[in-house]
Amino acid sequence: MKKQDFIKAVAAMAGLSQDAVSKTLTSIIDVVTSELKAGSEVNITGFGAFKVSTRSARNWVNPRTWESIKIPSMNSPVFRAGKTLKEAVR
């Protein structure tokens, strides 16, 4: 399901306009992004948690040239599904 399909489905289920749902979804994404940038965790009860995981620096070898490259450490977003979501999918 793509973003526009998701917006149409939520609008139909909630009885709202697609424009209102689109603005709401954009706001949710912006809030989650800004909180993750700040290093905070976002918990949505019954759905899951978004947090930032730090990947450590490591060495990598290019298989074509056998050149060794150092990959720096970086932050990566992680989503952990909540119990209610896990049970609903099972």
Protein backbone atom coordinates (compact mmCIF):
# COMPACT_ATOMS: atom_id res chain seq x y z
CA MET A 1 0.00 0.00 0.00
CA LYS A 2 1.39 3.37 -1.00
CA LYS A 3 0.97 6.60 0.93
CA GLN A 4 -1.89 7.90 -1.25
CA ASP A 5 -3.75 4.57 -0.95
CA PHE A 6 -3.27 4.71 2.82
CA ILE A 7 -4.68 8.25 2.94
CA LYS A 8 -7.75 7.20 0.90
CA ALA A 9 -8.38 4.18 3.16
CA VAL A 10 -8.09 6.19 6.39
CA ALA A 11 -10.30 8.98 5.00
CA ALA A 12 -12.99 6.48 4.02
CA MET A 13 -12.83 4.65 7.37
CA ALA A 14 -12.84 7.83 9.50
CA GLY A 15 -15.30 9.80 7.36
CA LEU A 16 -12.81 12.62 6.85
CA SER A 17 -11.56 14.40 3.76
CA GLN A 18 -8.40 13.14 2.10
CA ASP A 19 -6.85 16.59 2.55
CA ALA A 20 -7.38 16.50 6.34
CA VAL A 21 -5.94 12.98 6.59
CA SER A 22 -2.97 13.95 4.41
CA LYS A 23 -2.15 16.97 6.61
CA THR A 24 -2.50 14.84 9.75
CA LEU A 25 -0.26 12.09 8.40
CA THR A 26 2.37 14.61 7.33
CA SER A 27 2.27 16.17 10.81
CA ILE A 28 2.68 12.77 12.48
CA ILE A 29 5.67 11.94 10.29
CA ASP A 30 7.24 15.35 11.01
CA VAL A 31 6.80 14.96 14.78
CA VAL A 32 8.26 11.43 14.81
CA THR A 33 11.20 12.57 12.66
CA SER A 34 11.98 15.58 14.84
CA GLU A 35 11.80 13.51 18.04
CA LEU A 36 14.14 10.87 16.59
CA LYS A 37 16.57 13.60 15.48
CA ALA A 38 16.56 14.89 19.06
CA GLY A 39 17.39 11.38 20.31
CA SER A 40 14.01 10.73 21.92
CA GLU A 41 11.89 7.61 21.64
CA VAL A 42 8.28 7.78 20.38
CA ASN A 43 5.92 5.20 21.93
CA ILE A 44 2.42 4.70 20.52
CA THR A 45 0.57 2.36 22.88
CA GLY A 46 -0.91 -0.62 21.04
CA PHE A 47 1.09 0.10 17.89
CA GLY A 48 4.80 0.22 18.62
CA ALA A 49 7.86 2.30 19.37
CA PHE A 50 10.21 4.31 17.19
CA LYS A 51 13.75 4.83 18.45
CA VAL A 52 17.28 5.57 17.24
CA SER A 53 19.91 2.86 17.18
CA THR A 54 23.61 3.63 16.82
CA ARG A 55 25.51 1.41 14.41
CA SER A 56 29.17 1.19 15.32
CA ALA A 57 32.02 1.95 12.93
CA ARG A 58 33.32 -1.03 11.00
CA ASN A 59 35.73 -2.05 8.26
CA TRP A 60 34.43 -3.26 4.93
CA VAL A 61 36.24 -4.82 1.98
CA ASN A 62 35.20 -4.09 -1.59
CA PRO A 63 34.86 -7.57 -3.17
CA ARG A 64 35.99 -6.38 -6.62
CA THR A 65 39.16 -4.53 -5.65
CA TRP A 66 39.82 -5.99 -2.18
CA GLU A 67 40.26 -2.41 -1.00
CA SER A 68 39.59 -1.92 2.69
CA ILE A 69 37.16 0.88 3.54
CA LYS A 70 36.26 2.23 6.97
CA ILE A 71 32.52 2.83 7.40
CA PRO A 72 31.84 5.45 10.10
CA SER A 73 29.32 4.97 12.90
CA MET A 74 25.82 6.24 12.18
CA ASN A 75 22.39 6.57 13.69
CA SER A 76 19.58 4.49 12.23
CA PRO A 77 15.82 4.61 12.93
CA VAL A 78 14.29 1.43 14.36
CA PHE A 79 10.63 0.41 14.77
CA ARG A 80 9.62 -2.18 17.36
CA ALA A 81 6.05 -3.47 17.00
CA GLY A 82 3.85 -3.44 20.08
CA LYS A 83 2.10 -6.46 21.57
CA THR A 84 -1.35 -5.52 20.23
CA LEU A 85 -0.03 -5.08 16.67
CA LYS A 86 1.89 -8.35 16.82
CA GLU A 87 -1.17 -10.28 18.01
CA ALA A 88 -3.41 -8.67 15.36
CA VAL A 89 -1.02 -9.73 12.57
CA ARG A 90 -0.64 -13.28 13.83
